[in-house]
Amino acid sequence: TLSLKQTLKKGPIVLYFFPAAFTTGCTIEAHLF
């Protein structure tokens, strides 16, 4: 279970929204991140 509030206690977050797992652009973005 991921809580934004809890995760922010460890430092800044790069939060990225993407349309759908296993689609072409989203897979490329996941690889780059």
PDB file of all heavy atoms in Angstrom:
ATOM      1  N   THR A   1       0.859  -1.180   0.000  1.00  0.00           N
ATOM      2  CA  THR A   1       0.000   0.000   0.000  1.00  0.00           C
ATOM      3  C   THR A   1       0.893   1.226   0.000  1.00  0.00           C
ATOM      4  O   THR A   1       1.749   1.372   0.880  1.00  0.00           O
ATOM      5  CB  THR A   1      -0.924  -0.003   1.238  1.00  0.00           C
ATOM      6  OG1 THR A   1      -1.701  -1.204   1.201  1.00  0.00           O
ATOM      7  CG2 THR A   1      -1.850   1.200   1.224  1.00  0.00           C
ATOM      8  N   LEU A   2       0.695   2.095  -0.989  1.00  0.00           N
ATOM      9  CA  LEU A   2       1.516   3.296  -1.120  1.00  0.00           C
ATOM     10  C   LEU A   2       0.728   4.508  -0.636  1.00  0.00           C
ATOM     11  O   LEU A   2      -0.380   4.756  -1.098  1.00  0.00           O
ATOM     12  CB  LEU A   2       1.913   3.502  -2.585  1.00  0.00           C
ATOM     13  CG  LEU A   2       2.845   4.684  -2.822  1.00  0.00           C
ATOM     14  CD1 LEU A   2       3.978   4.276  -3.743  1.00  0.00           C
ATOM     15  CD2 LEU A   2       2.113   5.876  -3.383  1.00  0.00           C
ATOM     16  N   SER A   3       1.312   5.232   0.297  1.00  0.00           N
ATOM     17  CA  SER A   3       0.725   6.467   0.809  1.00  0.00           C
ATOM     18  C   SER A   3       1.640   7.611   0.384  1.00  0.00           C
ATOM     19  O   SER A   3       2.847   7.575   0.662  1.00  0.00           O
ATOM     20  CB  SER A   3       0.640   6.409   2.335  1.00  0.00           C
ATOM     21  OG  SER A   3       0.622   7.703   2.894  1.00  0.00           O
ATOM     22  N   LEU A   4       1.092   8.619  -0.283  1.00  0.00           N
ATOM     23  CA  LEU A   4       1.903   9.766  -0.687  1.00  0.00           C
ATOM     24  C   LEU A   4       2.516  10.432   0.539  1.00  0.00           C
ATOM     25  O   LEU A   4       3.719  10.696   0.577  1.00  0.00           O
ATOM     26  CB  LEU A   4       1.066  10.774  -1.475  1.00  0.00           C
ATOM     27  CG  LEU A   4       1.852  12.030  -1.912  1.00  0.00           C
ATOM     28  CD1 LEU A   4       2.891  11.683  -2.969  1.00  0.00           C
ATOM     29  CD2 LEU A   4       0.911  13.111  -2.417  1.00  0.00           C
ATOM     30  N   LYS A   5       1.698  10.673   1.542  1.00  0.00           N
ATOM     31  CA  LYS A   5       2.160  11.348   2.762  1.00  0.00           C
ATOM     32  C   LYS A   5       3.349  10.617   3.395  1.00  0.00           C
ATOM     33  O   LYS A   5       4.346  11.234   3.756  1.00  0.00           O
ATOM     34  CB  LYS A   5       0.991  11.440   3.750  1.00  0.00           C
ATOM     35  CG  LYS A   5       1.246  12.288   4.951  1.00  0.00           C
ATOM     36  CD  LYS A   5      -0.024  12.368   5.789  1.00  0.00           C
ATOM     37  CE  LYS A   5       0.183  13.200   7.021  1.00  0.00           C
ATOM     38  NZ  LYS A   5      -1.057  13.273   7.815  1.00  0.00           N
ATOM     39  N   GLN A   6       3.251   9.294   3.507  1.00  0.00           N
ATOM     40  CA  GLN A   6       4.339   8.491   4.097  1.00  0.00           C
ATOM     41  C   GLN A   6       5.589   8.528   3.228  1.00  0.00           C
ATOM     42  O   GLN A   6       6.702   8.635   3.722  1.00  0.00           O
ATOM     43  CB  GLN A   6       3.887   7.047   4.317  1.00  0.00           C
ATOM     44  CG  GLN A   6       2.843   6.882   5.386  1.00  0.00           C
ATOM     45  CD  GLN A   6       3.334   7.349   6.747  1.00  0.00           C
ATOM     46  OE1 GLN A   6       3.053   8.472   7.162  1.00  0.00           O
ATOM     47  NE2 GLN A   6       4.075   6.523   7.427  1.00  0.00           N
ATOM     48  N   THR A   7       5.412   8.428   1.918  1.00  0.00           N
ATOM     49  CA  THR A   7       6.543   8.406   0.996  1.00  0.00           C
ATOM     50  C   THR A   7       7.268   9.751   0.994  1.00  0.00           C
ATOM     51  O   THR A   7       8.498   9.796   0.900  1.00  0.00           O
ATOM     52  CB  THR A   7       6.085   8.021  -0.421  1.00  0.00           C
ATOM     53  OG1 THR A   7       5.343   6.793  -0.338  1.00  0.00           O
ATOM     54  CG2 THR A   7       7.248   7.791  -1.366  1.00  0.00           C
ATOM     55  N   LEU A   8       6.538  10.848   1.134  1.00  0.00           N
ATOM     56  CA  LEU A   8       7.155  12.185   1.157  1.00  0.00           C
ATOM     57  C   LEU A   8       8.046  12.394   2.382  1.00  0.00           C
ATOM     58  O   LEU A   8       8.934  13.240   2.359  1.00  0.00           O
ATOM     59  CB  LEU A   8       6.077  13.276   1.107  1.00  0.00           C
ATOM     60  CG  LEU A   8       5.463  13.535  -0.263  1.00  0.00           C
ATOM     61  CD1 LEU A   8       4.268  14.472  -0.151  1.00  0.00           C
ATOM     62  CD2 LEU A   8       6.491  14.086  -1.237  1.00  0.00           C
ATOM     63  N   LYS A   9       7.847  11.615   3.437  1.00  0.00           N
ATOM     64  CA  LYS A   9       8.692  11.721   4.632  1.00  0.00           C
ATOM     65  C   LYS A   9      10.138  11.344   4.314  1.00  0.00           C
ATOM     66  O   LYS A   9      11.060  11.717   5.037  1.00  0.00           O
ATOM     67  CB  LYS A   9       8.153  10.834   5.758  1.00  0.00           C
ATOM     68  CG  LYS A   9       6.865  11.366   6.345  1.00  0.00           C
ATOM     69  CD  LYS A   9       6.342  10.470   7.444  1.00  0.00           C
ATOM     70  CE  LYS A   9       5.053  11.038   8.012  1.00  0.00           C
ATOM     71  NZ  LYS A   9       4.497  10.203   9.072  1.00  0.00           N
ATOM     72  N   LYS A  10      10.334  10.592   3.222  1.00  0.00           N
ATOM     73  CA  LYS A  10      11.676  10.138   2.835  1.00  0.00           C
ATOM     74  C   LYS A  10      12.363  11.107   1.876  1.00  0.00           C
ATOM     75  O   LYS A  10      13.515  10.925   1.531  1.00  0.00           O
ATOM     76  CB  LYS A  10      11.584   8.757   2.175  1.00  0.00           C
ATOM     77  CG  LYS A  10      10.997   7.702   3.072  1.00  0.00           C
ATOM     78  CD  LYS A  10      10.754   6.412   2.319  1.00  0.00           C
ATOM     79  CE  LYS A  10       9.925   5.456   3.150  1.00  0.00           C
ATOM     80  NZ  LYS A  10       9.366   4.383   2.352  1.00  0.00           N
ATOM     81  N   GLY A  11      11.637  12.129   1.379  1.00  0.00           N
ATOM     82  CA  GLY A  11      12.213  13.081   0.430  1.00  0.00           C
ATOM     83  C   GLY A  11      11.250  13.379  -0.698  1.00  0.00           C
ATOM     84  O   GLY A  11      10.111  12.909  -0.693  1.00  0.00           O
ATOM     85  N   PRO A  12      11.707  14.157  -1.690  1.00  0.00           N
ATOM     86  CA  PRO A  12      10.819  14.517  -2.797  1.00  0.00           C
ATOM     87  C   PRO A  12      10.416  13.296  -3.631  1.00  0.00           C
ATOM     88  O   PRO A  12      11.114  12.281  -3.629  1.00  0.00           O
ATOM     89  CB  PRO A  12      11.650  15.494  -3.631  1.00  0.00           C
ATOM     90  CG  PRO A  12      13.051  15.273  -3.237  1.00  0.00           C
ATOM     91  CD  PRO A  12      13.046  14.706  -1.852  1.00  0.00           C
ATOM     92  N   ILE A  13       9.289  13.459  -4.325  1.00  0.00           N
ATOM     93  CA  ILE A  13       8.775  12.367  -5.159  1.00  0.00           C
ATOM     94  C   ILE A  13       8.604  12.858  -6.583  1.00  0.00           C
ATOM     95  O   ILE A  13       8.097  13.957  -6.819  1.00  0.00           O
ATOM     96  CB  ILE A  13       7.422  11.864  -4.638  1.00  0.00           C
ATOM     97  CG1 ILE A  13       7.597  11.213  -3.271  1.00  0.00           C
ATOM     98  CG2 ILE A  13       6.787  10.869  -5.618  1.00  0.00           C
ATOM     99  CD1 ILE A  13       6.315  10.712  -2.675  1.00  0.00           C
ATOM    100  N   VAL A  14       9.032  12.016  -7.513  1.00  0.00           N
ATOM    101  CA  VAL A  14       8.712  12.211  -8.922  1.00  0.00           C
ATOM    102  C   VAL A  14       7.488  11.330  -9.143  1.00  0.00           C
ATOM    103  O   VAL A  14       7.585  10.110  -9.152  1.00  0.00           O
ATOM    104  CB  VAL A  14       9.883  11.774  -9.837  1.00  0.00           C
ATOM    105  CG1 VAL A  14       9.467  11.865 -11.298  1.00  0.00           C
ATOM    106  CG2 VAL A  14      11.119  12.611  -9.553  1.00  0.00           C
ATOM    107  N   LEU A  15       6.335  11.968  -9.233  1.00  0.00           N
ATOM    108  CA  LEU A  15       5.073  11.265  -9.391  1.00  0.00           C
ATOM    109  C   LEU A  15       4.649  11.410 -10.843  1.00  0.00           C
ATOM    110  O   LEU A  15       4.398  12.508 -11.305  1.00  0.00           O
ATOM    111  CB  LEU A  15       4.013  11.891  -8.475  1.00  0.00           C
ATOM    112  CG  LEU A  15       2.615  11.284  -8.533  1.00  0.00           C
ATOM    113  CD1 LEU A  15       2.611   9.874  -7.955  1.00  0.00           C
ATOM    114  CD2 LEU A  15       1.638  12.170  -7.763  1.00  0.00           C
ATOM    115  N   TYR A  16       4.640  10.296 -11.552  1.00  0.00           N
ATOM    116  CA  TYR A  16       4.253  10.407 -12.963  1.00  0.00           C
ATOM    117  C   TYR A  16       3.036   9.547 -13.256  1.00  0.00           C
ATOM    118  O   TYR A  16       2.957   8.400 -12.860  1.00  0.00           O
ATOM    119  CB  TYR A  16       5.433  10.128 -13.894  1.00  0.00           C
ATOM    120  CG  TYR A  16       5.741   8.700 -14.231  1.00  0.00           C
ATOM    121  CD1 TYR A  16       5.257   8.125 -15.407  1.00  0.00           C
ATOM    122  CD2 TYR A  16       6.546   7.922 -13.410  1.00  0.00           C
ATOM    123  CE1 TYR A  16       5.566   6.813 -15.748  1.00  0.00           C
ATOM    124  CE2 TYR A  16       6.860   6.612 -13.738  1.00  0.00           C
ATOM    125  CZ  TYR A  16       6.364   6.064 -14.910  1.00  0.00           C
ATOM    126  OH  TYR A  16       6.659   4.765 -15.244  1.00  0.00           O
ATOM    127  N   PHE A  17       2.069  10.186 -13.901  1.00  0.00           N
ATOM    128  CA  PHE A  17       0.848   9.517 -14.330  1.00  0.00           C
ATOM    129  C   PHE A  17       1.034   9.076 -15.768  1.00  0.00           C
ATOM    130  O   PHE A  17       1.572   9.825 -16.586  1.00  0.00           O
ATOM    131  CB  PHE A  17      -0.347  10.488 -14.252  1.00  0.00           C
ATOM    132  CG  PHE A  17      -0.764  10.791 -12.842  1.00  0.00           C
ATOM    133  CD1 PHE A  17      -0.151  11.797 -12.130  1.00  0.00           C
ATOM    134  CD2 PHE A  17      -1.786  10.064 -12.237  1.00  0.00           C
ATOM    135  CE1 PHE A  17      -0.536  12.094 -10.824  1.00  0.00           C
ATOM    136  CE2 PHE A  17      -2.172  10.341 -10.937  1.00  0.00           C
ATOM    137  CZ  PHE A  17      -1.548  11.359 -10.226  1.00  0.00           C
ATOM    138  N   PHE A  18       0.603   7.852 -16.070  1.00  0.00           N
ATOM    139  CA  PHE A  18       0.685   7.352 -17.440  1.00  0.00           C
ATOM    140  C   PHE A  18      -0.598   6.613 -17.775  1.00  0.00           C
ATOM    141  O   PHE A  18      -1.256   6.081 -16.891  1.00  0.00           O
ATOM    142  CB  PHE A  18       1.939   6.486 -17.644  1.00  0.00           C
ATOM    143  CG  PHE A  18       2.012   5.248 -16.795  1.00  0.00           C
ATOM    144  CD1 PHE A  18       1.659   4.007 -17.314  1.00  0.00           C
ATOM    145  CD2 PHE A  18       2.480   5.307 -15.491  1.00  0.00           C
ATOM    146  CE1 PHE A  18       1.752   2.854 -16.546  1.00  0.00           C
ATOM    147  CE2 PHE A  18       2.583   4.156 -14.715  1.00  0.00           C
ATOM    148  CZ  PHE A  18       2.213   2.927 -15.244  1.00  0.00           C
ATOM    149  N   PRO A  19      -0.979   6.614 -19.065  1.00  0.00           N
ATOM    150  CA  PRO A  19      -2.286   6.065 -19.454  1.00  0.00           C
ATOM    151  C   PRO A  19      -2.517   4.597 -19.101  1.00  0.00           C
ATOM    152  O   PRO A  19      -3.520   4.280 -18.476  1.00  0.00           O
ATOM    153  CB  PRO A  19      -2.342   6.287 -20.963  1.00  0.00           C
ATOM    154  CG  PRO A  19      -1.438   7.458 -21.195  1.00  0.00           C
ATOM    155  CD  PRO A  19      -0.337   7.303 -20.186  1.00  0.00           C
ATOM    156  N   ALA A  20      -1.617   3.685 -19.491  1.00  0.00           N
ATOM    157  CA  ALA A  20      -1.891   2.266 -19.258  1.00  0.00           C
ATOM    158  C   ALA A  20      -0.622   1.427 -19.327  1.00  0.00           C
ATOM    159  O   ALA A  20       0.196   1.589 -20.232  1.00  0.00           O
ATOM    160  CB  ALA A  20      -2.899   1.744 -20.278  1.00  0.00           C
ATOM    161  N   ALA A  21      -0.491   0.524 -18.363  1.00  0.00           N
ATOM    162  CA  ALA A  21       0.641  -0.399 -18.341  1.00  0.00           C
ATOM    163  C   ALA A  21       0.660  -1.242 -19.612  1.00  0.00           C
ATOM    164  O   ALA A  21      -0.385  -1.635 -20.129  1.00  0.00           O
ATOM    165  CB  ALA A  21       0.542  -1.312 -17.116  1.00  0.00           C
ATOM    166  N   PHE A  22       1.841  -1.477 -20.118  1.00  0.00           N
ATOM    167  CA  PHE A  22       2.099  -2.330 -21.282  1.00  0.00           C
ATOM    168  C   PHE A  22       1.632  -1.747 -22.610  1.00  0.00           C
ATOM    169  O   PHE A  22       1.504  -2.468 -23.585  1.00  0.00           O
ATOM    170  CB  PHE A  22       1.559  -3.750 -21.086  1.00  0.00           C
ATOM    171  CG  PHE A  22       2.256  -4.489 -19.977  1.00  0.00           C
ATOM    172  CD1 PHE A  22       1.637  -4.678 -18.753  1.00  0.00           C
ATOM    173  CD2 PHE A  22       3.547  -4.960 -20.154  1.00  0.00           C
ATOM    174  CE1 PHE A  22       2.291  -5.347 -17.720  1.00  0.00           C
ATOM    175  CE2 PHE A  22       4.197  -5.627 -19.124  1.00  0.00           C
ATOM    176  CZ  PHE A  22       3.576  -5.819 -17.910  1.00  0.00           C
ATOM    177  N   THR A  23       1.394  -0.449 -22.682  1.00  0.00           N
ATOM    178  CA  THR A  23       1.179   0.186 -23.977  1.00  0.00           C
ATOM    179  C   THR A  23       2.532   0.751 -24.416  1.00  0.00           C
ATOM    180  O   THR A  23       3.438   0.920 -23.593  1.00  0.00           O
ATOM    181  CB  THR A  23       0.101   1.285 -23.917  1.00  0.00           C
ATOM    182  OG1 THR A  23       0.473   2.244 -22.941  1.00  0.00           O
ATOM    183  CG2 THR A  23      -1.266   0.698 -23.612  1.00  0.00           C
ATOM    184  N   THR A  24       2.689   1.032 -25.669  1.00  0.00           N
ATOM    185  CA  THR A  24       3.997   1.392 -26.229  1.00  0.00           C
ATOM    186  C   THR A  24       4.662   2.572 -25.535  1.00  0.00           C
ATOM    187  O   THR A  24       5.783   2.461 -25.023  1.00  0.00           O
ATOM    188  CB  THR A  24       3.871   1.663 -27.743  1.00  0.00           C
ATOM    189  OG1 THR A  24       3.270   0.516 -28.341  1.00  0.00           O
ATOM    190  CG2 THR A  24       5.218   1.896 -28.387  1.00  0.00           C
ATOM    191  N   GLY A  25       3.994   3.725 -25.510  1.00  0.00           N
ATOM    192  CA  GLY A  25       4.591   4.919 -24.902  1.00  0.00           C
ATOM    193  C   GLY A  25       4.850   4.745 -23.420  1.00  0.00           C
ATOM    194  O   GLY A  25       5.867   5.220 -22.891  1.00  0.00           O
ATOM    195  N   CYS A  26       3.954   4.061 -22.736  1.00  0.00           N
ATOM    196  CA  CYS A  26       4.093   3.863 -21.296  1.00  0.00           C
ATOM    197  C   CYS A  26       5.244   2.918 -20.968  1.00  0.00           C
ATOM    198  O   CYS A  26       5.924   3.085 -19.950  1.00  0.00           O
ATOM    199  CB  CYS A  26       2.778   3.358 -20.716  1.00  0.00           C
ATOM    200  SG  CYS A  26       1.437   4.534 -20.982  1.00  0.00           S
ATOM    201  N   THR A  27       5.469   1.955 -21.822  1.00  0.00           N
ATOM    202  CA  THR A  27       6.601   1.048 -21.635  1.00  0.00           C
ATOM    203  C   THR A  27       7.917   1.800 -21.859  1.00  0.00           C
ATOM    204  O   THR A  27       8.857   1.662 -21.076  1.00  0.00           O
ATOM    205  CB  THR A  27       6.471  -0.166 -22.578  1.00  0.00           C
ATOM    206  OG1 THR A  27       5.289  -0.890 -22.205  1.00  0.00           O
ATOM    207  CG2 THR A  27       7.680  -1.073 -22.504  1.00  0.00           C
ATOM    208  N   ILE A  28       7.961   2.625 -22.893  1.00  0.00           N
ATOM    209  CA  ILE A  28       9.165   3.441 -23.145  1.00  0.00           C
ATOM    210  C   ILE A  28       9.436   4.335 -21.939  1.00  0.00           C
ATOM    211  O   ILE A  28      10.564   4.417 -21.449  1.00  0.00           O
ATOM    212  CB  ILE A  28       8.985   4.295 -24.427  1.00  0.00           C
ATOM    213  CG1 ILE A  28       8.995   3.400 -25.660  1.00  0.00           C
ATOM    214  CG2 ILE A  28      10.057   5.383 -24.524  1.00  0.00           C
ATOM    215  CD1 ILE A  28       8.530   4.083 -26.944  1.00  0.00           C
ATOM    216  N   GLU A  29       8.397   5.001 -21.441  1.00  0.00           N
ATOM    217  CA  GLU A  29       8.570   5.902 -20.300  1.00  0.00           C
ATOM    218  C   GLU A  29       9.048   5.143 -19.062  1.00  0.00           C
ATOM    219  O   GLU A  29       9.931   5.614 -18.344  1.00  0.00           O
ATOM    220  CB  GLU A  29       7.255   6.623 -20.005  1.00  0.00           C
ATOM    221  CG  GLU A  29       7.387   7.715 -18.968  1.00  0.00           C
ATOM    222  CD  GLU A  29       6.110   8.516 -18.795  1.00  0.00           C
ATOM    223  OE1 GLU A  29       5.007   7.963 -19.019  1.00  0.00           O
ATOM    224  OE2 GLU A  29       6.224   9.688 -18.434  1.00  0.00           O
ATOM    225  N   ALA A  30       8.493   3.974 -18.811  1.00  0.00           N
ATOM    226  CA  ALA A  30       8.921   3.160 -17.663  1.00  0.00           C
ATOM    227  C   ALA A  30      10.397   2.791 -17.783  1.00  0.00           C
ATOM    228  O   ALA A  30      11.143   2.853 -16.806  1.00  0.00           O
ATOM    229  CB  ALA A  30       8.063   1.906 -17.546  1.00  0.00           C
ATOM    230  N   HIS A  31      10.825   2.416 -18.981  1.00  0.00           N
ATOM    231  CA  HIS A  31      12.237   2.073 -19.194  1.00  0.00           C
ATOM    232  C   HIS A  31      13.125   3.283 -18.906  1.00  0.00           C
ATOM    233  O   HIS A  31      14.172   3.160 -18.265  1.00  0.00           O
ATOM    234  CB  HIS A  31      12.474   1.598 -20.625  1.00  0.00           C
ATOM    235  CG  HIS A  31      11.863   0.259 -20.930  1.00  0.00           C
ATOM    236  ND1 HIS A  31      11.872  -0.281 -22.193  1.00  0.00           N
ATOM    237  CD2 HIS A  31      11.223  -0.639 -20.150  1.00  0.00           C
ATOM    238  CE1 HIS A  31      11.269  -1.456 -22.174  1.00  0.00           C
ATOM    239  NE2 HIS A  31      10.866  -1.692 -20.949  1.00  0.00           N
ATOM    240  N   LEU A  32      12.712   4.463 -19.397  1.00  0.00           N
ATOM    241  CA  LEU A  32      13.507   5.682 -19.189  1.00  0.00           C
ATOM    242  C   LEU A  32      13.584   6.047 -17.708  1.00  0.00           C
ATOM    243  O   LEU A  32      14.660   6.398 -17.202  1.00  0.00           O
ATOM    244  CB  LEU A  32      12.922   6.842 -20.004  1.00  0.00           C
ATOM    245  CG  LEU A  32      13.014   6.695 -21.524  1.00  0.00           C
ATOM    246  CD1 LEU A  32      12.186   7.777 -22.221  1.00  0.00           C
ATOM    247  CD2 LEU A  32      14.463   6.744 -21.998  1.00  0.00           C
ATOM    248  N   PHE A  33      12.467   5.954 -16.995  1.00  0.00           N
ATOM    249  CA  PHE A  33      12.501   6.233 -15.557  1.00  0.00           C
ATOM    250  C   PHE A  33      13.324   5.185 -14.814  1.00  0.00           C
ATOM    251  O   PHE A  33      14.035   5.514 -13.866  1.00  0.00           O
ATOM    252  CB  PHE A  33      11.090   6.338 -14.962  1.00  0.00           C
ATOM    253  CG  PHE A  33      10.525   7.735 -14.994  1.00  0.00           C
ATOM    254  CD1 PHE A  33       9.387   8.023 -15.734  1.00  0.00           C
ATOM    255  CD2 PHE A  33      11.124   8.772 -14.290  1.00  0.00           C
ATOM    256  CE1 PHE A  33       8.861   9.310 -15.772  1.00  0.00           C
ATOM    257  CE2 PHE A  33      10.612  10.064 -14.320  1.00  0.00           C
ATOM    258  CZ  PHE A  33       9.475  10.339 -15.060  1.00  0.00           C
TER     259      PHE A  33
END
